[in-house]
């Protein structure tokens, strides 16, 4: 029996991926780290607003209800910083915040694709409800896919970062080694996300079980997608799709 809750997702490329859900422990650690950073940012912003408000009251003492308006604006600023923190990082860092990066977890969509701004905004807007009376924590514990309310509405999952699997678990051609070094020196392998790497890994592991025509079509499709992700102009004519995917697989694991 596994100690972790694992799920299987079929990607648009018809490749089945298996992920480990983040769990309440990792998510709690990530949230604590995020709240510490967010709190420090919020304090700095509110101190600045407090100084500015004091100056405004000095220069405009006759304005009606100026203190009430300044307080209302401070509340709006606090909410904007609260939601903006999570939206900014989850969109910029492909489903991660500083806390999630520290805990090595990531938000993805239900179909295994990276989250976008829409999902990040929905998750951030629902977060205050999840935090009220620990509703989110209870839902994570009780639901099969460990989703808080924000995940249910946004259609997202929180998973653990995939750890690279040793190349010895399946055959890799010797030519891929030198090509991997070339890719590492000339291409931006960090543009590949963990789920992109997982798709390539799953294909390399299971390609021997595919029919020749299906293997040719899928390898070409994956090679083109990987090439576009790392912004490579074109493949050298002598490099087959399989060889390119093997080189990408090795280079991704060697990157800093």
C-alpha atoms as a PDB file:
ATOM      1  CA  UNK A   1       0.000   0.000   0.000  1.00  0.00           C
ATOM      2  CA  UNK A   2       1.407   3.395  -0.994  1.00  0.00           C
ATOM      3  CA  UNK A   3       1.902   6.020   1.677  1.00  0.00           C
ATOM      4  CA  UNK A   4       1.126   8.713  -0.897  1.00  0.00           C
ATOM      5  CA  UNK A   5      -1.969   9.291  -2.992  1.00  0.00           C
ATOM      6  CA  UNK A   6      -1.060   8.795  -6.651  1.00  0.00           C
ATOM      7  CA  UNK A   7      -3.244   9.629  -9.646  1.00  0.00           C
ATOM      8  CA  UNK A   8      -3.055   8.920 -13.362  1.00  0.00           C
ATOM      9  CA  UNK A   9      -3.747  11.562 -16.015  1.00  0.00           C
ATOM     10  CA  UNK A  10      -3.994  11.073 -19.759  1.00  0.00           C
ATOM     11  CA  UNK A  11      -2.454  14.004 -21.644  1.00  0.00           C
ATOM     12  CA  UNK A  12      -3.708  15.410 -24.980  1.00  0.00           C
ATOM     13  CA  UNK A  13      -0.895  13.382 -26.603  1.00  0.00           C
ATOM     14  CA  UNK A  14      -2.580  10.207 -25.240  1.00  0.00           C
ATOM     15  CA  UNK A  15       0.333   9.585 -22.880  1.00  0.00           C
ATOM     16  CA  UNK A  16      -0.659   8.392 -19.423  1.00  0.00           C
ATOM     17  CA  UNK A  17       1.197  10.140 -16.598  1.00  0.00           C
ATOM     18  CA  UNK A  18       1.265   9.226 -12.931  1.00  0.00           C
ATOM     19  CA  UNK A  19       1.662  11.930 -10.290  1.00  0.00           C
ATOM     20  CA  UNK A  20       1.950  11.942  -6.511  1.00  0.00           C
ATOM     21  CA  UNK A  21      -0.423  14.384  -4.859  1.00  0.00           C
ATOM     22  CA  UNK A  22       1.241  16.936  -2.592  1.00  0.00           C
ATOM     23  CA  UNK A  23      -0.570  15.972   0.608  1.00  0.00           C
ATOM     24  CA  UNK A  24      -1.637  18.118   3.541  1.00  0.00           C
ATOM     25  CA  UNK A  25       1.853  18.206   5.103  1.00  0.00           C
ATOM     26  CA  UNK A  26       3.709  19.651   2.107  1.00  0.00           C
ATOM     27  CA  UNK A  27       0.887  22.064   1.363  1.00  0.00           C
ATOM     28  CA  UNK A  28       0.854  23.328   4.947  1.00  0.00           C
ATOM     29  CA  UNK A  29       4.614  23.945   4.898  1.00  0.00           C
ATOM     30  CA  UNK A  30       4.285  25.782   1.575  1.00  0.00           C
ATOM     31  CA  UNK A  31       1.436  27.923   2.924  1.00  0.00           C
ATOM     32  CA  UNK A  32       3.371  28.858   6.070  1.00  0.00           C
ATOM     33  CA  UNK A  33       6.360  29.967   3.990  1.00  0.00           C
ATOM     34  CA  UNK A  34       4.120  31.913   1.627  1.00  0.00           C
ATOM     35  CA  UNK A  35       2.264  33.612   4.460  1.00  0.00           C
ATOM     36  CA  UNK A  36       5.542  34.686   6.076  1.00  0.00           C
ATOM     37  CA  UNK A  37       6.717  36.250   2.808  1.00  0.00           C
ATOM     38  CA  UNK A  38       3.306  37.710   2.038  1.00  0.00           C
ATOM     39  CA  UNK A  39       3.060  39.126   5.564  1.00  0.00           C
ATOM     40  CA  UNK A  40       6.423  40.851   5.241  1.00  0.00           C
ATOM     41  CA  UNK A  41       5.408  42.356   1.888  1.00  0.00           C
ATOM     42  CA  UNK A  42       2.050  43.464   3.266  1.00  0.00           C
ATOM     43  CA  UNK A  43       3.627  45.133   6.308  1.00  0.00           C
ATOM     44  CA  UNK A  44       5.968  47.068   4.037  1.00  0.00           C
ATOM     45  CA  UNK A  45       3.118  48.183   1.777  1.00  0.00           C
ATOM     46  CA  UNK A  46       0.904  49.207   4.715  1.00  0.00           C
ATOM     47  CA  UNK A  47       3.724  51.173   6.350  1.00  0.00           C
ATOM     48  CA  UNK A  48       4.170  53.066   3.089  1.00  0.00           C
ATOM     49  CA  UNK A  49       0.422  53.650   2.843  1.00  0.00           C
ATOM     50  CA  UNK A  50       0.278  54.766   6.473  1.00  0.00           C
ATOM     51  CA  UNK A  51       2.958  57.408   5.884  1.00  0.00           C
ATOM     52  CA  UNK A  52       1.202  58.555   2.708  1.00  0.00           C
ATOM     53  CA  UNK A  53      -2.161  58.665   4.506  1.00  0.00           C
ATOM     54  CA  UNK A  54      -0.698  60.802   7.289  1.00  0.00           C
ATOM     55  CA  UNK A  55       0.580  63.285   4.720  1.00  0.00           C
ATOM     56  CA  UNK A  56      -2.773  63.371   2.929  1.00  0.00           C
ATOM     57  CA  UNK A  57      -4.603  64.100   6.173  1.00  0.00           C
ATOM     58  CA  UNK A  58      -2.196  66.943   6.897  1.00  0.00           C
ATOM     59  CA  UNK A  59      -2.622  68.559   3.483  1.00  0.00           C
ATOM     60  CA  UNK A  60      -6.381  67.937   3.170  1.00  0.00           C
ATOM     61  CA  UNK A  61      -7.740  68.233   6.748  1.00  0.00           C
ATOM     62  CA  UNK A  62     -11.122  69.562   5.624  1.00  0.00           C
ATOM     63  CA  UNK A  63     -12.074  66.628   3.393  1.00  0.00           C
ATOM     64  CA  UNK A  64     -15.142  64.778   4.688  1.00  0.00           C
ATOM     65  CA  UNK A  65     -14.617  61.201   5.921  1.00  0.00           C
ATOM     66  CA  UNK A  66     -11.001  61.163   4.736  1.00  0.00           C
ATOM     67  CA  UNK A  67      -9.996  58.674   7.455  1.00  0.00           C
ATOM     68  CA  UNK A  68     -12.803  56.338   6.429  1.00  0.00           C
ATOM     69  CA  UNK A  69     -11.741  56.491   2.784  1.00  0.00           C
ATOM     70  CA  UNK A  70      -8.088  55.899   3.612  1.00  0.00           C
ATOM     71  CA  UNK A  71      -9.030  52.898   5.758  1.00  0.00           C
ATOM     72  CA  UNK A  72     -11.180  51.456   2.973  1.00  0.00           C
ATOM     73  CA  UNK A  73      -8.334  51.872   0.500  1.00  0.00           C
ATOM     74  CA  UNK A  74      -5.953  50.140   2.939  1.00  0.00           C
ATOM     75  CA  UNK A  75      -8.335  47.162   3.089  1.00  0.00           C
ATOM     76  CA  UNK A  76      -8.474  47.000  -0.697  1.00  0.00           C
ATOM     77  CA  UNK A  77      -4.679  47.184  -0.889  1.00  0.00           C
ATOM     78  CA  UNK A  78      -4.389  44.315   1.621  1.00  0.00           C
ATOM     79  CA  UNK A  79      -6.747  42.142  -0.431  1.00  0.00           C
ATOM     80  CA  UNK A  80      -4.937  43.023  -3.666  1.00  0.00           C
ATOM     81  CA  UNK A  81      -1.573  42.076  -2.149  1.00  0.00           C
ATOM     82  CA  UNK A  82      -3.091  38.870  -0.721  1.00  0.00           C
ATOM     83  CA  UNK A  83      -4.551  37.639  -4.004  1.00  0.00           C
ATOM     84  CA  UNK A  84      -1.907  39.246  -6.216  1.00  0.00           C
ATOM     85  CA  UNK A  85       0.935  37.407  -4.453  1.00  0.00           C
ATOM     86  CA  UNK A  86      -0.444  33.972  -5.361  1.00  0.00           C
ATOM     87  CA  UNK A  87      -1.656  34.965  -8.841  1.00  0.00           C
ATOM     88  CA  UNK A  88       1.672  36.570  -9.730  1.00  0.00           C
ATOM     89  CA  UNK A  89       3.881  33.665  -8.689  1.00  0.00           C
ATOM     90  CA  UNK A  90       1.639  30.797  -9.821  1.00  0.00           C
ATOM     91  CA  UNK A  91       1.347  32.397 -13.264  1.00  0.00           C
ATOM     92  CA  UNK A  92       5.003  33.424 -13.570  1.00  0.00           C
ATOM     93  CA  UNK A  93       6.480  30.239 -12.088  1.00  0.00           C
ATOM     94  CA  UNK A  94       4.126  27.777 -13.776  1.00  0.00           C
ATOM     95  CA  UNK A  95       2.101  26.756 -10.721  1.00  0.00           C
ATOM     96  CA  UNK A  96       4.631  27.510  -7.994  1.00  0.00           C
ATOM     97  CA  UNK A  97       4.968  30.158  -5.307  1.00  0.00           C
ATOM     98  CA  UNK A  98       8.091  30.590  -3.148  1.00  0.00           C
ATOM     99  CA  UNK A  99       6.494  28.296  -0.561  1.00  0.00           C
ATOM    100  CA  UNK A 100       5.575  25.651  -3.130  1.00  0.00           C
ATOM    101  CA  UNK A 101       9.047  25.811  -4.631  1.00  0.00           C
ATOM    102  CA  UNK A 102      10.534  25.330  -1.166  1.00  0.00           C
ATOM    103  CA  UNK A 103       8.248  22.331  -0.542  1.00  0.00           C
ATOM    104  CA  UNK A 104       8.849  20.983  -4.068  1.00  0.00           C
ATOM    105  CA  UNK A 105       5.179  20.956  -5.029  1.00  0.00           C
ATOM    106  CA  UNK A 106       3.365  22.480  -8.000  1.00  0.00           C
ATOM    107  CA  UNK A 107      -0.154  23.316  -9.189  1.00  0.00           C
ATOM    108  CA  UNK A 108      -1.272  21.795 -12.508  1.00  0.00           C
ATOM    109  CA  UNK A 109      -4.572  21.604 -14.343  1.00  0.00           C
ATOM    110  CA  UNK A 110      -6.699  18.482 -14.161  1.00  0.00           C
ATOM    111  CA  UNK A 111      -5.481  17.482 -17.637  1.00  0.00           C
ATOM    112  CA  UNK A 112      -1.828  17.682 -16.584  1.00  0.00           C
ATOM    113  CA  UNK A 113      -1.141  20.991 -18.359  1.00  0.00           C
ATOM    114  CA  UNK A 114       0.425  24.029 -16.634  1.00  0.00           C
ATOM    115  CA  UNK A 115      -1.924  26.437 -14.879  1.00  0.00           C
ATOM    116  CA  UNK A 116      -2.657  29.790 -16.477  1.00  0.00           C
ATOM    117  CA  UNK A 117      -3.734  33.156 -15.125  1.00  0.00           C
ATOM    118  CA  UNK A 118      -7.415  32.107 -15.053  1.00  0.00           C
ATOM    119  CA  UNK A 119      -6.784  29.143 -12.766  1.00  0.00           C
ATOM    120  CA  UNK A 120      -4.403  31.145 -10.570  1.00  0.00           C
ATOM    121  CA  UNK A 121      -6.963  33.950 -10.151  1.00  0.00           C
ATOM    122  CA  UNK A 122      -9.779  31.548  -9.254  1.00  0.00           C
ATOM    123  CA  UNK A 123      -7.612  29.765  -6.691  1.00  0.00           C
ATOM    124  CA  UNK A 124      -6.528  33.073  -5.125  1.00  0.00           C
ATOM    125  CA  UNK A 125     -10.064  34.493  -4.931  1.00  0.00           C
ATOM    126  CA  UNK A 126     -11.407  31.364  -3.222  1.00  0.00           C
ATOM    127  CA  UNK A 127      -8.451  31.088  -0.813  1.00  0.00           C
ATOM    128  CA  UNK A 128     -10.034  33.312   1.909  1.00  0.00           C
ATOM    129  CA  UNK A 129     -13.014  30.930   2.002  1.00  0.00           C
ATOM    130  CA  UNK A 130     -10.684  27.915   2.210  1.00  0.00           C
ATOM    131  CA  UNK A 131      -8.815  29.549   5.089  1.00  0.00           C
ATOM    132  CA  UNK A 132     -12.034  30.237   7.034  1.00  0.00           C
ATOM    133  CA  UNK A 133     -12.581  27.573   9.721  1.00  0.00           C
ATOM    134  CA  UNK A 134      -9.985  25.386   7.937  1.00  0.00           C
ATOM    135  CA  UNK A 135     -12.475  24.497   5.187  1.00  0.00           C
ATOM    136  CA  UNK A 136      -9.676  23.983   2.669  1.00  0.00           C
ATOM    137  CA  UNK A 137      -7.751  21.683   4.987  1.00  0.00           C
ATOM    138  CA  UNK A 138     -10.815  19.533   5.620  1.00  0.00           C
ATOM    139  CA  UNK A 139     -11.534  19.226   1.904  1.00  0.00           C
ATOM    140  CA  UNK A 140      -7.913  18.259   1.163  1.00  0.00           C
ATOM    141  CA  UNK A 141      -8.127  15.506   3.770  1.00  0.00           C
ATOM    142  CA  UNK A 142     -11.571  14.243   2.749  1.00  0.00           C
ATOM    143  CA  UNK A 143     -11.514  14.429  -1.068  1.00  0.00           C
ATOM    144  CA  UNK A 144      -9.962  11.698  -3.203  1.00  0.00           C
ATOM    145  CA  UNK A 145      -7.783  14.088  -5.203  1.00  0.00           C
ATOM    146  CA  UNK A 146      -6.934  16.230  -2.167  1.00  0.00           C
ATOM    147  CA  UNK A 147      -8.577  19.364  -3.556  1.00  0.00           C
ATOM    148  CA  UNK A 148      -9.500  22.434  -1.593  1.00  0.00           C
ATOM    149  CA  UNK A 149     -12.470  24.500  -2.755  1.00  0.00           C
ATOM    150  CA  UNK A 150     -10.237  26.675  -4.946  1.00  0.00           C
ATOM    151  CA  UNK A 151      -8.910  23.562  -6.721  1.00  0.00           C
ATOM    152  CA  UNK A 152     -12.421  22.223  -7.293  1.00  0.00           C
ATOM    153  CA  UNK A 153     -13.582  25.488  -8.864  1.00  0.00           C
ATOM    154  CA  UNK A 154     -10.391  26.161 -10.870  1.00  0.00           C
ATOM    155  CA  UNK A 155      -9.968  22.539 -12.015  1.00  0.00           C
ATOM    156  CA  UNK A 156      -6.473  22.140 -10.588  1.00  0.00           C
ATOM    157  CA  UNK A 157      -4.357  19.636  -8.670  1.00  0.00           C
ATOM    158  CA  UNK A 158      -1.369  20.128  -6.389  1.00  0.00           C
ATOM    159  CA  UNK A 159       1.330  17.529  -7.019  1.00  0.00           C
ATOM    160  CA  UNK A 160       4.831  16.759  -5.843  1.00  0.00           C
ATOM    161  CA  UNK A 161       7.651  17.642  -8.209  1.00  0.00           C
ATOM    162  CA  UNK A 162       8.685  14.695 -10.333  1.00  0.00           C
ATOM    163  CA  UNK A 163      12.121  13.279  -9.552  1.00  0.00           C
ATOM    164  CA  UNK A 164      14.137  12.187 -12.584  1.00  0.00           C
ATOM    165  CA  UNK A 165      14.298   8.428 -13.148  1.00  0.00           C
ATOM    166  CA  UNK A 166      17.710   6.971 -13.878  1.00  0.00           C
ATOM    167  CA  UNK A 167      18.385   6.428 -17.551  1.00  0.00           C
ATOM    168  CA  UNK A 168      19.361   2.814 -16.844  1.00  0.00           C
ATOM    169  CA  UNK A 169      15.672   1.877 -16.468  1.00  0.00           C
ATOM    170  CA  UNK A 170      15.380   1.876 -20.268  1.00  0.00           C
ATOM    171  CA  UNK A 171      17.727   1.844 -23.238  1.00  0.00           C
ATOM    172  CA  UNK A 172      19.393   5.085 -24.325  1.00  0.00           C
ATOM    173  CA  UNK A 173      21.576   5.205 -27.437  1.00  0.00           C
ATOM    174  CA  UNK A 174      25.215   6.214 -27.081  1.00  0.00           C
ATOM    175  CA  UNK A 175      24.749   9.020 -29.627  1.00  0.00           C
ATOM    176  CA  UNK A 176      22.271  10.687 -27.268  1.00  0.00           C
ATOM    177  CA  UNK A 177      25.004  11.402 -24.719  1.00  0.00           C
ATOM    178  CA  UNK A 178      26.998  13.765 -26.942  1.00  0.00           C
ATOM    179  CA  UNK A 179      23.855  15.317 -28.357  1.00  0.00           C
ATOM    180  CA  UNK A 180      22.610  15.922 -24.810  1.00  0.00           C
ATOM    181  CA  UNK A 181      25.775  17.873 -24.027  1.00  0.00           C
ATOM    182  CA  UNK A 182      25.259  19.979 -27.159  1.00  0.00           C
ATOM    183  CA  UNK A 183      21.651  20.722 -26.200  1.00  0.00           C
ATOM    184  CA  UNK A 184      22.693  21.615 -22.674  1.00  0.00           C
ATOM    185  CA  UNK A 185      25.272  24.095 -23.975  1.00  0.00           C
ATOM    186  CA  UNK A 186      23.105  25.735 -26.631  1.00  0.00           C
ATOM    187  CA  UNK A 187      19.442  25.431 -25.596  1.00  0.00           C
ATOM    188  CA  UNK A 188      17.293  26.592 -22.676  1.00  0.00           C
ATOM    189  CA  UNK A 189      16.314  23.266 -21.110  1.00  0.00           C
ATOM    190  CA  UNK A 190      14.733  25.077 -18.156  1.00  0.00           C
ATOM    191  CA  UNK A 191      11.860  25.980 -20.478  1.00  0.00           C
ATOM    192  CA  UNK A 192      10.711  22.371 -20.105  1.00  0.00           C
ATOM    193  CA  UNK A 193       8.364  21.865 -17.162  1.00  0.00           C
ATOM    194  CA  UNK A 194       8.380  18.709 -15.024  1.00  0.00           C
ATOM    195  CA  UNK A 195       5.235  17.420 -16.736  1.00  0.00           C
ATOM    196  CA  UNK A 196       6.861  17.993 -20.165  1.00  0.00           C
ATOM    197  CA  UNK A 197       9.812  15.914 -18.963  1.00  0.00           C
ATOM    198  CA  UNK A 198       7.403  13.291 -17.612  1.00  0.00           C
ATOM    199  CA  UNK A 199       5.680  12.953 -21.007  1.00  0.00           C
ATOM    200  CA  UNK A 200       9.033  12.407 -22.736  1.00  0.00           C
ATOM    201  CA  UNK A 201      10.102   9.926 -20.069  1.00  0.00           C
ATOM    202  CA  UNK A 202       6.849   7.967 -20.325  1.00  0.00           C
ATOM    203  CA  UNK A 203       7.190   7.746 -24.092  1.00  0.00           C
ATOM    204  CA  UNK A 204      10.789   6.508 -23.889  1.00  0.00           C
ATOM    205  CA  UNK A 205       9.782   3.915 -21.326  1.00  0.00           C
ATOM    206  CA  UNK A 206       6.810   2.574 -23.301  1.00  0.00           C
ATOM    207  CA  UNK A 207       7.829   3.090 -26.924  1.00  0.00           C
ATOM    208  CA  UNK A 208       8.766  -0.562 -27.368  1.00  0.00           C
ATOM    209  CA  UNK A 209       5.147  -1.505 -26.678  1.00  0.00           C
ATOM    210  CA  UNK A 210       3.755   0.797 -29.398  1.00  0.00           C
ATOM    211  CA  UNK A 211       2.901  -0.256 -32.913  1.00  0.00           C
ATOM    212  CA  UNK A 212       5.506   1.036 -35.421  1.00  0.00           C
ATOM    213  CA  UNK A 213       3.135   3.555 -37.050  1.00  0.00           C
ATOM    214  CA  UNK A 214       1.854   4.862 -33.699  1.00  0.00           C
ATOM    215  CA  UNK A 215       5.417   5.114 -32.381  1.00  0.00           C
ATOM    216  CA  UNK A 216       6.553   7.102 -35.430  1.00  0.00           C
ATOM    217  CA  UNK A 217       3.629   9.532 -35.219  1.00  0.00           C
ATOM    218  CA  UNK A 218       3.918  10.064 -31.454  1.00  0.00           C
ATOM    219  CA  UNK A 219       7.705  10.464 -31.418  1.00  0.00           C
ATOM    220  CA  UNK A 220       7.535  13.061 -34.201  1.00  0.00           C
ATOM    221  CA  UNK A 221       4.780  14.971 -32.402  1.00  0.00           C
ATOM    222  CA  UNK A 222       6.646  14.973 -29.079  1.00  0.00           C
ATOM    223  CA  UNK A 223       9.927  15.944 -30.737  1.00  0.00           C
ATOM    224  CA  UNK A 224       8.305  18.931 -32.428  1.00  0.00           C
ATOM    225  CA  UNK A 225       6.686  20.039 -29.176  1.00  0.00           C
ATOM    226  CA  UNK A 226       9.949  19.716 -27.252  1.00  0.00           C
ATOM    227  CA  UNK A 227      11.815  21.595 -29.990  1.00  0.00           C
ATOM    228  CA  UNK A 228       9.287  24.449 -29.817  1.00  0.00           C
ATOM    229  CA  UNK A 229       9.454  24.599 -26.018  1.00  0.00           C
ATOM    230  CA  UNK A 230      13.231  25.014 -25.966  1.00  0.00           C
ATOM    231  CA  UNK A 231      12.977  27.391 -28.959  1.00  0.00           C
ATOM    232  CA  UNK A 232      15.225  25.324 -31.167  1.00  0.00           C
ATOM    233  CA  UNK A 233      14.988  26.351 -34.815  1.00  0.00           C
ATOM    234  CA  UNK A 234      15.224  22.914 -36.428  1.00  0.00           C
ATOM    235  CA  UNK A 235      16.558  19.429 -35.844  1.00  0.00           C
ATOM    236  CA  UNK A 236      19.765  18.373 -37.607  1.00  0.00           C
ATOM    237  CA  UNK A 237      18.801  16.113 -40.517  1.00  0.00           C
ATOM    238  CA  UNK A 238      20.697  13.162 -39.043  1.00  0.00           C
ATOM    239  CA  UNK A 239      18.817  13.334 -35.729  1.00  0.00           C
ATOM    240  CA  UNK A 240      15.742  11.097 -35.553  1.00  0.00           C
ATOM    241  CA  UNK A 241      12.825  12.082 -33.294  1.00  0.00           C
ATOM    242  CA  UNK A 242      13.678   9.262 -30.883  1.00  0.00           C
ATOM    243  CA  UNK A 243      17.318  10.304 -30.701  1.00  0.00           C
ATOM    244  CA  UNK A 244      16.320  13.924 -30.089  1.00  0.00           C
ATOM    245  CA  UNK A 245      13.913  12.927 -27.288  1.00  0.00           C
ATOM    246  CA  UNK A 246      16.624  10.780 -25.685  1.00  0.00           C
ATOM    247  CA  UNK A 247      19.043  13.717 -25.826  1.00  0.00           C
ATOM    248  CA  UNK A 248      16.448  16.080 -24.343  1.00  0.00           C
ATOM    249  CA  UNK A 249      15.746  13.541 -21.588  1.00  0.00           C
ATOM    250  CA  UNK A 250      19.426  13.297 -20.650  1.00  0.00           C
ATOM    251  CA  UNK A 251      20.115  17.022 -20.994  1.00  0.00           C
ATOM    252  CA  UNK A 252      17.146  17.926 -18.776  1.00  0.00           C
ATOM    253  CA  UNK A 253      18.558  15.822 -15.948  1.00  0.00           C
ATOM    254  CA  UNK A 254      22.035  17.346 -16.309  1.00  0.00           C
ATOM    255  CA  UNK A 255      20.879  20.972 -16.211  1.00  0.00           C
ATOM    256  CA  UNK A 256      21.763  23.152 -13.207  1.00  0.00           C
END
